[in-house]
Amino acid sequence: LDLHHEAFGADIVLVDMQATALVPAAAAVRAAGKGRVETRVCDVSNYDAMRALADDVVKTLGGVHIVFNNAGVGFGGLIWEHSAQDWDWVIGVNVMGVAHGVRVFTPMMLAAAKADPAWQGHIVNTASMAGMINAPNMGVYNVTKHAVVALSETLYQDLALVTEQVAITIYLADL
Protein backbone atom coordinates (compact mmCIF):
# COMPACT_ATOMS: atom_id res chain seq x y z
CA LEU A 1 0.00 0.00 0.00
CA ASP A 2 1.88 3.06 -1.26
CA LEU A 3 0.29 5.99 0.50
CA HIS A 4 2.54 8.78 -0.71
CA HIS A 5 0.14 11.69 -0.53
CA GLU A 6 1.30 13.32 -3.76
CA ALA A 7 0.33 10.23 -5.74
CA PHE A 8 -3.11 10.20 -4.14
CA GLY A 9 -3.53 13.98 -4.09
CA ALA A 10 -4.54 13.52 -0.49
CA ASP A 11 -4.89 15.88 2.40
CA ILE A 12 -3.19 14.48 5.49
CA VAL A 13 -3.83 15.14 9.17
CA LEU A 14 -0.98 14.07 11.47
CA VAL A 15 -1.91 13.53 15.11
CA ASP A 16 0.25 13.25 18.22
CA MET A 17 -0.02 13.98 21.93
CA GLN A 18 3.01 16.24 21.69
CA ALA A 19 2.89 19.28 19.43
CA THR A 20 6.70 19.32 19.22
CA ALA A 21 6.71 15.86 17.63
CA LEU A 22 4.34 17.05 14.91
CA VAL A 23 6.58 19.83 13.60
CA PRO A 24 9.35 17.68 12.05
CA ALA A 25 6.87 15.01 10.94
CA ALA A 26 4.71 17.55 9.11
CA ALA A 27 7.79 19.14 7.54
CA ALA A 28 8.96 15.75 6.23
CA VAL A 29 5.54 14.95 4.74
CA ARG A 30 5.27 18.41 3.16
CA ALA A 31 8.75 18.02 1.64
CA ALA A 32 7.77 14.67 0.11
CA GLY A 33 4.67 15.83 -1.74
CA LYS A 34 2.22 18.50 -2.78
CA GLY A 35 -0.84 17.61 -0.70
CA ARG A 36 -2.13 19.64 2.23
CA VAL A 37 -0.70 18.58 5.60
CA GLU A 38 -2.30 19.60 8.88
CA THR A 39 -1.46 18.70 12.45
CA ARG A 40 -3.60 18.12 15.52
CA VAL A 41 -2.73 17.43 19.13
CA CYS A 42 -4.88 14.62 20.53
CA ASP A 43 -4.72 11.99 23.26
CA VAL A 44 -5.97 8.89 21.44
CA SER A 45 -6.61 7.15 24.76
CA ASN A 46 -9.40 9.66 25.42
CA TYR A 47 -12.63 8.93 23.54
CA ASP A 48 -13.95 12.51 23.76
CA ALA A 49 -10.68 13.84 22.33
CA MET A 50 -10.89 11.35 19.45
CA ARG A 51 -14.52 12.25 18.80
CA ALA A 52 -13.56 15.94 18.67
CA LEU A 53 -10.67 15.09 16.30
CA ALA A 54 -13.01 13.21 13.97
CA ASP A 55 -15.53 16.06 14.00
CA ASP A 56 -12.73 18.53 13.24
CA VAL A 57 -11.43 16.41 10.34
CA VAL A 58 -14.92 16.23 8.83
CA LYS A 59 -15.42 19.99 9.28
CA THR A 60 -11.98 20.85 7.89
CA LEU A 61 -11.52 18.23 5.17
CA GLY A 62 -15.00 16.88 4.55
CA GLY A 63 -14.26 13.31 5.63
CA VAL A 64 -11.70 10.54 5.60
CA HIS A 65 -10.73 7.76 3.22
CA ILE A 66 -7.77 6.28 5.07
CA VAL A 67 -7.27 6.05 8.83
CA PHE A 68 -4.01 4.94 10.41
CA ASN A 69 -4.39 3.88 14.03
CA ASN A 70 -0.68 3.94 14.72
CA ALA A 71 -0.19 5.32 18.23
CA GLY A 72 1.85 3.13 20.51
CA VAL A 73 3.78 3.27 23.77
CA GLY A 74 5.64 0.69 25.77
CA PHE A 75 8.60 -0.18 27.88
CA GLY A 76 10.51 -3.23 28.90
CA GLY A 77 10.72 -5.12 32.12
CA LEU A 78 9.38 -8.15 33.90
CA ILE A 79 5.61 -8.37 33.49
CA TRP A 80 4.87 -8.68 37.23
CA GLU A 81 6.91 -5.59 38.08
CA HIS A 82 4.76 -3.10 36.16
CA SER A 83 2.37 -0.96 38.16
CA ALA A 84 -1.35 -0.63 37.55
CA GLN A 85 -0.60 2.85 36.17
CA ASP A 86 1.87 1.34 33.69
CA TRP A 87 -0.80 -1.10 32.51
CA ASP A 88 -3.45 1.62 32.28
CA TRP A 89 -1.18 3.89 30.24
CA VAL A 90 -0.10 1.24 27.72
CA ILE A 91 -3.58 -0.26 27.36
CA GLY A 92 -5.06 3.23 27.06
CA VAL A 93 -2.85 4.23 24.15
CA ASN A 94 -2.20 0.91 22.42
CA VAL A 95 -5.62 -0.72 22.71
CA MET A 96 -8.13 2.00 23.48
CA GLY A 97 -6.48 4.39 21.03
CA VAL A 98 -7.15 1.88 18.25
CA ALA A 99 -10.63 1.11 19.59
CA HIS A 100 -11.49 4.81 19.71
CA GLY A 101 -10.16 5.30 16.18
CA VAL A 102 -12.33 2.44 14.97
CA ARG A 103 -15.36 3.64 16.93
CA VAL A 104 -15.27 7.22 15.63
CA PHE A 105 -14.03 6.80 12.07
CA THR A 106 -15.66 3.54 10.93
CA PRO A 107 -19.25 4.86 11.16
CA MET A 108 -18.17 7.93 9.16
CA MET A 109 -16.65 5.68 6.51
CA LEU A 110 -19.71 3.43 6.40
CA ALA A 111 -21.95 6.47 5.91
CA ALA A 112 -19.74 7.67 3.04
CA ALA A 113 -19.88 4.20 1.47
CA LYS A 114 -23.65 4.08 1.77
CA ALA A 115 -23.98 7.50 0.12
CA ASP A 116 -21.64 6.65 -2.79
CA PRO A 117 -21.33 3.13 -4.24
CA ALA A 118 -17.93 4.04 -5.75
CA TRP A 119 -16.47 5.34 -2.47
CA GLN A 120 -13.58 3.33 -0.96
CA GLY A 121 -12.04 3.55 2.50
CA HIS A 122 -9.25 1.83 4.38
CA ILE A 123 -8.32 1.41 8.04
CA VAL A 124 -4.75 0.47 8.98
CA ASN A 125 -4.14 -0.67 12.56
CA THR A 126 -0.52 -1.00 13.70
CA ALA A 127 0.06 -4.01 15.91
CA SER A 128 3.80 -4.61 15.51
CA MET A 129 5.28 -8.09 15.49
CA ALA A 130 4.52 -8.15 19.23
CA GLY A 131 0.97 -8.94 18.16
CA MET A 132 2.19 -12.29 16.85
CA ILE A 133 5.15 -13.18 19.08
CA ASN A 134 5.89 -12.81 22.78
CA ALA A 135 9.34 -11.40 23.41
CA PRO A 136 10.55 -11.53 27.01
CA ASN A 137 10.59 -8.33 29.08
CA MET A 138 7.83 -6.81 26.94
CA GLY A 139 4.75 -8.34 28.55
CA VAL A 140 2.49 -5.30 28.81
CA TYR A 141 3.31 -4.23 25.27
CA ASN A 142 2.84 -7.78 23.94
CA VAL A 143 -0.60 -8.05 25.56
CA THR A 144 -1.76 -4.82 23.95
CA LYS A 145 -0.47 -5.66 20.51
CA HIS A 146 -2.16 -9.07 20.60
CA ALA A 147 -5.35 -7.17 21.46
CA VAL A 148 -4.88 -4.95 18.40
CA VAL A 149 -4.57 -8.04 16.20
CA ALA A 150 -7.77 -9.51 17.68
CA LEU A 151 -9.60 -6.18 17.32
CA SER A 152 -8.46 -5.86 13.71
CA GLU A 153 -9.33 -9.42 12.74
CA THR A 154 -12.78 -8.98 14.29
CA LEU A 155 -13.22 -5.65 12.49
CA TYR A 156 -12.39 -7.42 9.21
CA GLN A 157 -15.14 -9.96 9.87
CA ASP A 158 -17.63 -7.32 10.98
CA LEU A 159 -16.99 -5.10 7.96
CA ALA A 160 -17.44 -8.11 5.66
CA LEU A 161 -20.99 -8.42 7.02
CA VAL A 162 -21.95 -4.88 5.96
CA THR A 163 -19.73 -3.60 3.12
CA GLU A 164 -16.91 -4.29 0.70
CA GLN A 165 -16.10 -0.58 0.46
CA VAL A 166 -14.09 -0.32 3.70
CA ALA A 167 -10.97 -2.49 4.01
CA ILE A 168 -8.82 -3.23 7.04
CA THR A 169 -5.09 -3.93 7.24
CA ILE A 170 -3.07 -5.03 10.25
CA TYR A 171 0.43 -3.56 10.01
CA LEU A 172 2.93 -5.76 11.82
CA ALA A 173 5.81 -3.33 12.20
CA ASP A 174 9.18 -4.55 13.48
CA LEU A 175 9.69 -4.54 17.24
C-alpha atoms as a PDB file:
ATOM      1  CA  LEU A   1       0.000   0.000   0.000  1.00  0.00           C
ATOM      2  CA  ASP A   2       1.883   3.061  -1.263  1.00  0.00           C
ATOM      3  CA  LEU A   3       0.292   5.987   0.504  1.00  0.00           C
ATOM      4  CA  HIS A   4       2.544   8.780  -0.710  1.00  0.00           C
ATOM      5  CA  HIS A   5       0.135  11.687  -0.530  1.00  0.00           C
ATOM      6  CA  GLU A   6       1.295  13.318  -3.763  1.00  0.00           C
ATOM      7  CA  ALA A   7       0.327  10.228  -5.743  1.00  0.00           C
ATOM      8  CA  PHE A   8      -3.107  10.200  -4.144  1.00  0.00           C
ATOM      9  CA  GLY A   9      -3.533  13.982  -4.094  1.00  0.00           C
ATOM     10  CA  ALA A  10      -4.544  13.521  -0.486  1.00  0.00           C
ATOM     11  CA  ASP A  11      -4.887  15.882   2.401  1.00  0.00           C
ATOM     12  CA  ILE A  12      -3.192  14.475   5.495  1.00  0.00           C
ATOM     13  CA  VAL A  13      -3.826  15.141   9.170  1.00  0.00           C
ATOM     14  CA  LEU A  14      -0.982  14.075  11.467  1.00  0.00           C
ATOM     15  CA  VAL A  15      -1.910  13.533  15.112  1.00  0.00           C
ATOM     16  CA  ASP A  16       0.247  13.247  18.222  1.00  0.00           C
ATOM     17  CA  MET A  17      -0.017  13.982  21.933  1.00  0.00           C
ATOM     18  CA  GLN A  18       3.010  16.243  21.689  1.00  0.00           C
ATOM     19  CA  ALA A  19       2.892  19.284  19.435  1.00  0.00           C
ATOM     20  CA  THR A  20       6.697  19.324  19.218  1.00  0.00           C
ATOM     21  CA  ALA A  21       6.708  15.859  17.627  1.00  0.00           C
ATOM     22  CA  LEU A  22       4.339  17.049  14.912  1.00  0.00           C
ATOM     23  CA  VAL A  23       6.580  19.835  13.603  1.00  0.00           C
ATOM     24  CA  PRO A  24       9.346  17.677  12.050  1.00  0.00           C
ATOM     25  CA  ALA A  25       6.865  15.008  10.938  1.00  0.00           C
ATOM     26  CA  ALA A  26       4.715  17.550   9.108  1.00  0.00           C
ATOM     27  CA  ALA A  27       7.791  19.139   7.536  1.00  0.00           C
ATOM     28  CA  ALA A  28       8.959  15.752   6.233  1.00  0.00           C
ATOM     29  CA  VAL A  29       5.543  14.952   4.737  1.00  0.00           C
ATOM     30  CA  ARG A  30       5.275  18.408   3.160  1.00  0.00           C
ATOM     31  CA  ALA A  31       8.754  18.020   1.641  1.00  0.00           C
ATOM     32  CA  ALA A  32       7.765  14.674   0.114  1.00  0.00           C
ATOM     33  CA  GLY A  33       4.674  15.828  -1.738  1.00  0.00           C
ATOM     34  CA  LYS A  34       2.221  18.498  -2.777  1.00  0.00           C
ATOM     35  CA  GLY A  35      -0.838  17.613  -0.698  1.00  0.00           C
ATOM     36  CA  ARG A  36      -2.129  19.638   2.229  1.00  0.00           C
ATOM     37  CA  VAL A  37      -0.698  18.581   5.599  1.00  0.00           C
ATOM     38  CA  GLU A  38      -2.296  19.600   8.881  1.00  0.00           C
ATOM     39  CA  THR A  39      -1.457  18.697  12.449  1.00  0.00           C
ATOM     40  CA  ARG A  40      -3.599  18.122  15.516  1.00  0.00           C
ATOM     41  CA  VAL A  41      -2.729  17.431  19.130  1.00  0.00           C
ATOM     42  CA  CYS A  42      -4.876  14.617  20.526  1.00  0.00           C
ATOM     43  CA  ASP A  43      -4.723  11.993  23.262  1.00  0.00           C
ATOM     44  CA  VAL A  44      -5.969   8.892  21.439  1.00  0.00           C
ATOM     45  CA  SER A  45      -6.609   7.145  24.757  1.00  0.00           C
ATOM     46  CA  ASN A  46      -9.395   9.663  25.420  1.00  0.00           C
ATOM     47  CA  TYR A  47     -12.631   8.933  23.538  1.00  0.00           C
ATOM     48  CA  ASP A  48     -13.948  12.506  23.763  1.00  0.00           C
ATOM     49  CA  ALA A  49     -10.680  13.845  22.326  1.00  0.00           C
ATOM     50  CA  MET A  50     -10.887  11.353  19.450  1.00  0.00           C
ATOM     51  CA  ARG A  51     -14.525  12.254  18.800  1.00  0.00           C
ATOM     52  CA  ALA A  52     -13.560  15.939  18.667  1.00  0.00           C
ATOM     53  CA  LEU A  53     -10.675  15.089  16.305  1.00  0.00           C
ATOM     54  CA  ALA A  54     -13.014  13.214  13.971  1.00  0.00           C
ATOM     55  CA  ASP A  55     -15.531  16.059  14.002  1.00  0.00           C
ATOM     56  CA  ASP A  56     -12.727  18.534  13.236  1.00  0.00           C
ATOM     57  CA  VAL A  57     -11.432  16.411  10.344  1.00  0.00           C
ATOM     58  CA  VAL A  58     -14.917  16.233   8.827  1.00  0.00           C
ATOM     59  CA  LYS A  59     -15.417  19.986   9.277  1.00  0.00           C
ATOM     60  CA  THR A  60     -11.980  20.852   7.889  1.00  0.00           C
ATOM     61  CA  LEU A  61     -11.519  18.232   5.171  1.00  0.00           C
ATOM     62  CA  GLY A  62     -14.998  16.876   4.553  1.00  0.00           C
ATOM     63  CA  GLY A  63     -14.260  13.313   5.629  1.00  0.00           C
ATOM     64  CA  VAL A  64     -11.704  10.539   5.600  1.00  0.00           C
ATOM     65  CA  HIS A  65     -10.732   7.765   3.219  1.00  0.00           C
ATOM     66  CA  ILE A  66      -7.768   6.283   5.066  1.00  0.00           C
ATOM     67  CA  VAL A  67      -7.274   6.054   8.826  1.00  0.00           C
ATOM     68  CA  PHE A  68      -4.010   4.941  10.408  1.00  0.00           C
ATOM     69  CA  ASN A  69      -4.394   3.883  14.035  1.00  0.00           C
ATOM     70  CA  ASN A  70      -0.681   3.945  14.717  1.00  0.00           C
ATOM     71  CA  ALA A  71      -0.185   5.319  18.233  1.00  0.00           C
ATOM     72  CA  GLY A  72       1.846   3.131  20.514  1.00  0.00           C
ATOM     73  CA  VAL A  73       3.778   3.269  23.767  1.00  0.00           C
ATOM     74  CA  GLY A  74       5.641   0.686  25.767  1.00  0.00           C
ATOM     75  CA  PHE A  75       8.604  -0.175  27.880  1.00  0.00           C
ATOM     76  CA  GLY A  76      10.507  -3.234  28.901  1.00  0.00           C
ATOM     77  CA  GLY A  77      10.719  -5.124  32.123  1.00  0.00           C
ATOM     78  CA  LEU A  78       9.377  -8.150  33.896  1.00  0.00           C
ATOM     79  CA  ILE A  79       5.612  -8.371  33.495  1.00  0.00           C
ATOM     80  CA  TRP A  80       4.870  -8.680  37.227  1.00  0.00           C
ATOM     81  CA  GLU A  81       6.909  -5.592  38.081  1.00  0.00           C
ATOM     82  CA  HIS A  82       4.761  -3.096  36.161  1.00  0.00           C
ATOM     83  CA  SER A  83       2.370  -0.956  38.160  1.00  0.00           C
ATOM     84  CA  ALA A  84      -1.354  -0.632  37.550  1.00  0.00           C
ATOM     85  CA  GLN A  85      -0.604   2.847  36.172  1.00  0.00           C
ATOM     86  CA  ASP A  86       1.868   1.339  33.691  1.00  0.00           C
ATOM     87  CA  TRP A  87      -0.797  -1.103  32.512  1.00  0.00           C
ATOM     88  CA  ASP A  88      -3.453   1.621  32.285  1.00  0.00           C
ATOM     89  CA  TRP A  89      -1.176   3.893  30.239  1.00  0.00           C
ATOM     90  CA  VAL A  90      -0.098   1.238  27.725  1.00  0.00           C
ATOM     91  CA  ILE A  91      -3.585  -0.263  27.360  1.00  0.00           C
ATOM     92  CA  GLY A  92      -5.063   3.230  27.060  1.00  0.00           C
ATOM     93  CA  VAL A  93      -2.845   4.233  24.150  1.00  0.00           C
ATOM     94  CA  ASN A  94      -2.196   0.907  22.422  1.00  0.00           C
ATOM     95  CA  VAL A  95      -5.624  -0.718  22.707  1.00  0.00           C
ATOM     96  CA  MET A  96      -8.135   1.999  23.479  1.00  0.00           C
ATOM     97  CA  GLY A  97      -6.478   4.393  21.030  1.00  0.00           C
ATOM     98  CA  VAL A  98      -7.146   1.885  18.250  1.00  0.00           C
ATOM     99  CA  ALA A  99     -10.626   1.106  19.592  1.00  0.00           C
ATOM    100  CA  HIS A 100     -11.495   4.809  19.707  1.00  0.00           C
ATOM    101  CA  GLY A 101     -10.161   5.298  16.175  1.00  0.00           C
ATOM    102  CA  VAL A 102     -12.331   2.436  14.971  1.00  0.00           C
ATOM    103  CA  ARG A 103     -15.359   3.640  16.932  1.00  0.00           C
ATOM    104  CA  VAL A 104     -15.273   7.221  15.633  1.00  0.00           C
ATOM    105  CA  PHE A 105     -14.031   6.798  12.067  1.00  0.00           C
ATOM    106  CA  THR A 106     -15.663   3.535  10.933  1.00  0.00           C
ATOM    107  CA  PRO A 107     -19.249   4.864  11.156  1.00  0.00           C
ATOM    108  CA  MET A 108     -18.166   7.933   9.158  1.00  0.00           C
ATOM    109  CA  MET A 109     -16.647   5.683   6.512  1.00  0.00           C
ATOM    110  CA  LEU A 110     -19.710   3.429   6.397  1.00  0.00           C
ATOM    111  CA  ALA A 111     -21.947   6.474   5.907  1.00  0.00           C
ATOM    112  CA  ALA A 112     -19.744   7.674   3.038  1.00  0.00           C
ATOM    113  CA  ALA A 113     -19.880   4.201   1.469  1.00  0.00           C
ATOM    114  CA  LYS A 114     -23.653   4.078   1.772  1.00  0.00           C
ATOM    115  CA  ALA A 115     -23.977   7.503   0.121  1.00  0.00           C
ATOM    116  CA  ASP A 116     -21.641   6.652  -2.789  1.00  0.00           C
ATOM    117  CA  PRO A 117     -21.332   3.127  -4.240  1.00  0.00           C
ATOM    118  CA  ALA A 118     -17.927   4.042  -5.749  1.00  0.00           C
ATOM    119  CA  TRP A 119     -16.468   5.338  -2.469  1.00  0.00           C
ATOM    120  CA  GLN A 120     -13.584   3.329  -0.955  1.00  0.00           C
ATOM    121  CA  GLY A 121     -12.039   3.545   2.505  1.00  0.00           C
ATOM    122  CA  HIS A 122      -9.249   1.833   4.381  1.00  0.00           C
ATOM    123  CA  ILE A 123      -8.323   1.407   8.043  1.00  0.00           C
ATOM    124  CA  VAL A 124      -4.752   0.475   8.980  1.00  0.00           C
ATOM    125  CA  ASN A 125      -4.138  -0.667  12.558  1.00  0.00           C
ATOM    126  CA  THR A 126      -0.525  -0.998  13.702  1.00  0.00           C
ATOM    127  CA  ALA A 127       0.057  -4.007  15.914  1.00  0.00           C
ATOM    128  CA  SER A 128       3.801  -4.614  15.509  1.00  0.00           C
ATOM    129  CA  MET A 129       5.281  -8.087  15.494  1.00  0.00           C
ATOM    130  CA  ALA A 130       4.522  -8.147  19.228  1.00  0.00           C
ATOM    131  CA  GLY A 131       0.968  -8.935  18.162  1.00  0.00           C
ATOM    132  CA  MET A 132       2.187 -12.289  16.854  1.00  0.00           C
ATOM    133  CA  ILE A 133       5.148 -13.182  19.082  1.00  0.00           C
ATOM    134  CA  ASN A 134       5.894 -12.815  22.776  1.00  0.00           C
ATOM    135  CA  ALA A 135       9.340 -11.404  23.407  1.00  0.00           C
ATOM    136  CA  PRO A 136      10.554 -11.526  27.011  1.00  0.00           C
ATOM    137  CA  ASN A 137      10.586  -8.332  29.084  1.00  0.00           C
ATOM    138  CA  MET A 138       7.825  -6.810  26.939  1.00  0.00           C
ATOM    139  CA  GLY A 139       4.753  -8.341  28.553  1.00  0.00           C
ATOM    140  CA  VAL A 140       2.489  -5.300  28.813  1.00  0.00           C
ATOM    141  CA  TYR A 141       3.312  -4.231  25.267  1.00  0.00           C
ATOM    142  CA  ASN A 142       2.838  -7.780  23.943  1.00  0.00           C
ATOM    143  CA  VAL A 143      -0.600  -8.047  25.556  1.00  0.00           C
ATOM    144  CA  THR A 144      -1.765  -4.817  23.947  1.00  0.00           C
ATOM    145  CA  LYS A 145      -0.467  -5.659  20.509  1.00  0.00           C
ATOM    146  CA  HIS A 146      -2.156  -9.071  20.605  1.00  0.00           C
ATOM    147  CA  ALA A 147      -5.354  -7.174  21.455  1.00  0.00           C
ATOM    148  CA  VAL A 148      -4.883  -4.948  18.402  1.00  0.00           C
ATOM    149  CA  VAL A 149      -4.567  -8.041  16.197  1.00  0.00           C
ATOM    150  CA  ALA A 150      -7.771  -9.509  17.683  1.00  0.00           C
ATOM    151  CA  LEU A 151      -9.595  -6.178  17.318  1.00  0.00           C
ATOM    152  CA  SER A 152      -8.465  -5.860  13.706  1.00  0.00           C
ATOM    153  CA  GLU A 153      -9.334  -9.420  12.741  1.00  0.00           C
ATOM    154  CA  THR A 154     -12.785  -8.979  14.288  1.00  0.00           C
ATOM    155  CA  LEU A 155     -13.221  -5.654  12.492  1.00  0.00           C
ATOM    156  CA  TYR A 156     -12.389  -7.421   9.214  1.00  0.00           C
ATOM    157  CA  GLN A 157     -15.137  -9.965   9.870  1.00  0.00           C
ATOM    158  CA  ASP A 158     -17.635  -7.316  10.977  1.00  0.00           C
ATOM    159  CA  LEU A 159     -16.985  -5.102   7.958  1.00  0.00           C
ATOM    160  CA  ALA A 160     -17.443  -8.110   5.659  1.00  0.00           C
ATOM    161  CA  LEU A 161     -20.988  -8.417   7.017  1.00  0.00           C
ATOM    162  CA  VAL A 162     -21.949  -4.884   5.965  1.00  0.00           C
ATOM    163  CA  THR A 163     -19.728  -3.599   3.123  1.00  0.00           C
ATOM    164  CA  GLU A 164     -16.909  -4.289   0.701  1.00  0.00           C
ATOM    165  CA  GLN A 165     -16.102  -0.582   0.455  1.00  0.00           C
ATOM    166  CA  VAL A 166     -14.091  -0.324   3.700  1.00  0.00           C
ATOM    167  CA  ALA A 167     -10.975  -2.487   4.006  1.00  0.00           C
ATOM    168  CA  ILE A 168      -8.815  -3.230   7.045  1.00  0.00           C
ATOM    169  CA  THR A 169      -5.094  -3.932   7.244  1.00  0.00           C
ATOM    170  CA  ILE A 170      -3.070  -5.027  10.247  1.00  0.00           C
ATOM    171  CA  TYR A 171       0.431  -3.555  10.005  1.00  0.00           C
ATOM    172  CA  LEU A 172       2.932  -5.763  11.821  1.00  0.00           C
ATOM    173  CA  ALA A 173       5.813  -3.334  12.202  1.00  0.00           C
ATOM    174  CA  ASP A 174       9.180  -4.547  13.485  1.00  0.00           C
ATOM    175  CA  LEU A 175       9.693  -4.536  17.242  1.00  0.00           C
END
